[in-house]
Amino acid sequence: MRDREQRLGWIERLIGASYHGPERNNALVVPTPTGNLAVAFSSIVEVVPASRVQPLALLPDTYCGVLTQGNTIAPIIDASEDGLAGCGAPGHVVLVEGSGCVFGLRFGGAPFVVDLNEVEHVDLEIVRGKALPAGPLPLLDVDAVAAALLALD
């Protein structure tokens, strides 16, 4: 299996060939029903096909399924246009790690890469059901999301 740096390098070459160099602060931008959402490369574990998402009995409504990542089961949140289309639906999952937890965001559409040093962005406030802010690109705070998900009853 390739290591994390090789996987992220592959994503960068595939999606953002013009964004290379050690001084880059890259983020993967994924489409959601309420607008684009940026995920910093430093938080990304892997991007995989959504067809690998599996159902899990008694999973809270917040999640659309789970994905096995090594010896870990990662819950998947559906951030796609079709919303909770079910396991095996088309699209991709970006697996992220924050606060020692791995979880995924399922998305459809075409992602792209931006350099956060060159794009106006703002940390995303974690509020359930709220539309993404207009204006600067919202940047997902993976640690805050992990903490919010762990706080759910």
Protein backbone atom coordinates (compact mmCIF):
# COMPACT_ATOMS: atom_id res chain seq x y z
CA MET A 1 0.00 0.00 0.00
CA ARG A 2 1.24 3.47 -0.81
CA ASP A 3 1.99 5.85 2.00
CA ARG A 4 -0.04 8.98 2.70
CA GLU A 5 2.35 11.36 0.90
CA GLN A 6 2.22 9.27 -2.28
CA ARG A 7 -1.61 9.23 -2.21
CA LEU A 8 -1.83 12.99 -1.67
CA GLY A 9 0.74 13.57 -4.39
CA TRP A 10 -1.37 11.49 -6.76
CA ILE A 11 -4.50 13.49 -5.90
CA GLU A 12 -2.60 16.72 -6.42
CA ARG A 13 -1.22 15.65 -9.80
CA LEU A 14 -4.58 14.31 -10.95
CA ILE A 15 -6.73 17.26 -9.92
CA GLY A 16 -4.40 20.23 -9.53
CA ALA A 17 -1.35 19.85 -11.73
CA SER A 18 -0.59 23.58 -11.48
CA TYR A 19 -0.37 23.49 -7.67
CA HIS A 20 3.06 22.08 -6.88
CA GLY A 21 5.86 23.08 -4.54
CA PRO A 22 6.76 22.86 -0.85
CA GLU A 23 5.47 26.36 -0.12
CA ARG A 24 1.97 25.42 -1.24
CA ASN A 25 -0.82 25.12 1.33
CA ASN A 26 -3.20 23.03 -0.77
CA ALA A 27 -6.80 22.09 -0.12
CA LEU A 28 -9.19 19.79 -1.94
CA VAL A 29 -12.42 21.63 -2.78
CA VAL A 30 -15.48 19.40 -2.94
CA PRO A 31 -18.94 20.39 -4.18
CA THR A 32 -21.84 20.21 -1.70
CA PRO A 33 -25.54 21.11 -2.08
CA THR A 34 -24.91 24.43 -0.31
CA GLY A 35 -21.65 25.39 -2.06
CA ASN A 36 -18.00 24.41 -2.30
CA LEU A 37 -16.16 23.20 0.79
CA ALA A 38 -12.36 23.11 1.16
CA VAL A 39 -10.53 20.37 3.07
CA ALA A 40 -6.86 21.04 3.85
CA PHE A 41 -4.46 18.44 2.45
CA SER A 42 -2.90 18.15 5.91
CA SER A 43 -6.18 16.60 7.16
CA ILE A 44 -6.76 14.20 4.25
CA VAL A 45 -6.03 10.51 4.76
CA GLU A 46 -7.27 9.23 1.41
CA VAL A 47 -9.86 9.75 -1.34
CA VAL A 48 -11.74 6.59 -2.36
CA PRO A 49 -14.75 5.67 -4.53
CA ALA A 50 -18.09 6.01 -2.71
CA SER A 51 -18.97 2.51 -3.87
CA ARG A 52 -16.80 1.23 -0.98
CA VAL A 53 -19.21 2.70 1.61
CA GLN A 54 -21.09 -0.04 3.45
CA PRO A 55 -24.31 0.13 5.50
CA LEU A 56 -24.16 -0.42 9.26
CA ALA A 57 -27.19 -1.26 11.39
CA LEU A 58 -28.26 1.32 13.98
CA LEU A 59 -26.02 4.02 12.52
CA PRO A 60 -27.26 7.53 13.47
CA ASP A 61 -28.96 9.58 10.73
CA THR A 62 -25.93 11.87 10.59
CA TYR A 63 -24.05 9.16 8.67
CA CYS A 64 -24.77 7.42 5.35
CA GLY A 65 -22.58 4.39 6.08
CA VAL A 66 -19.08 3.33 7.07
CA LEU A 67 -15.83 2.58 5.33
CA THR A 68 -13.06 0.32 6.57
CA GLN A 69 -9.70 2.05 6.78
CA GLY A 70 -7.07 -0.44 7.87
CA ASN A 71 -8.25 -1.73 11.26
CA THR A 72 -10.64 1.19 11.71
CA ILE A 73 -14.25 1.74 10.73
CA ALA A 74 -14.75 5.33 9.59
CA PRO A 75 -18.27 6.82 9.63
CA ILE A 76 -19.23 8.63 6.42
CA ILE A 77 -21.21 11.89 6.27
CA ASP A 78 -23.09 12.50 3.02
CA ALA A 79 -22.22 15.93 1.57
CA SER A 80 -23.36 15.10 -1.96
CA GLU A 81 -25.98 16.76 -4.13
CA ASP A 82 -28.24 13.71 -4.01
CA GLY A 83 -28.10 13.60 -0.20
CA LEU A 84 -28.20 10.22 1.51
CA ALA A 85 -28.47 8.32 -1.76
CA GLY A 86 -27.39 5.20 0.06
CA CYS A 87 -24.40 2.92 0.01
CA GLY A 88 -22.84 2.22 -3.33
CA ALA A 89 -24.03 5.52 -4.83
CA PRO A 90 -21.68 7.21 -7.31
CA GLY A 91 -19.18 9.77 -6.12
CA HIS A 92 -16.14 9.77 -3.88
CA VAL A 93 -15.33 9.86 -0.19
CA VAL A 94 -12.58 12.03 1.25
CA LEU A 95 -11.33 10.41 4.45
CA VAL A 96 -10.01 12.94 6.95
CA GLU A 97 -8.42 12.71 10.37
CA GLY A 98 -8.91 15.15 13.20
CA SER A 99 -8.53 14.87 16.97
CA GLY A 100 -7.43 11.26 16.51
CA CYS A 101 -10.66 10.31 14.71
CA VAL A 102 -11.07 9.27 11.07
CA PHE A 103 -14.31 10.09 9.26
CA GLY A 104 -15.33 10.65 5.67
CA LEU A 105 -17.30 13.08 3.54
CA ARG A 106 -19.14 11.59 0.57
CA PHE A 107 -19.39 13.98 -2.37
CA GLY A 108 -20.38 13.91 -6.01
CA GLY A 109 -19.27 16.17 -8.82
CA ALA A 110 -15.78 17.26 -9.76
CA PRO A 111 -13.40 18.32 -6.98
CA PHE A 112 -10.47 20.66 -7.57
CA VAL A 113 -7.35 21.80 -5.74
CA VAL A 114 -6.59 25.34 -4.53
CA ASP A 115 -3.64 26.90 -2.78
CA LEU A 116 -5.00 28.41 0.45
CA ASN A 117 -2.19 30.99 0.37
CA GLU A 118 -3.71 32.41 -2.82
CA VAL A 119 -7.44 32.07 -2.09
CA GLU A 120 -9.49 34.00 0.44
CA HIS A 121 -10.92 31.46 2.88
CA VAL A 122 -12.57 31.32 6.28
CA ASP A 123 -12.80 28.53 8.87
CA LEU A 124 -16.22 26.93 8.70
CA GLU A 125 -18.45 27.33 11.73
CA ILE A 126 -19.90 23.94 12.68
CA VAL A 127 -23.68 24.40 12.69
CA ARG A 128 -25.99 21.56 11.67
CA GLY A 129 -28.16 22.29 8.65
CA LYS A 130 -26.73 25.75 8.02
CA ALA A 131 -25.90 26.84 4.47
CA LEU A 132 -22.25 27.49 3.68
CA PRO A 133 -21.32 31.17 3.88
CA ALA A 134 -21.21 33.28 0.73
CA GLY A 135 -17.95 35.03 -0.05
CA PRO A 136 -14.67 33.47 1.07
CA LEU A 137 -14.15 29.75 0.51
CA PRO A 138 -15.23 27.84 3.66
CA LEU A 139 -12.39 25.69 5.04
CA LEU A 140 -13.47 22.63 7.03
CA ASP A 141 -12.00 22.58 10.55
CA VAL A 142 -11.59 18.81 10.80
CA ASP A 143 -10.72 18.88 14.53
CA ALA A 144 -13.89 20.88 15.31
CA VAL A 145 -16.03 18.52 13.23
CA ALA A 146 -14.54 15.47 14.98
CA ALA A 147 -15.26 17.05 18.38
CA ALA A 148 -18.83 17.94 17.32
CA LEU A 149 -19.48 14.41 16.04
CA LEU A 150 -18.14 12.87 19.24
CA ALA A 151 -20.43 15.17 21.26
CA LEU A 152 -23.56 13.89 19.48
CA ASP A 153 -25.81 11.68 21.60
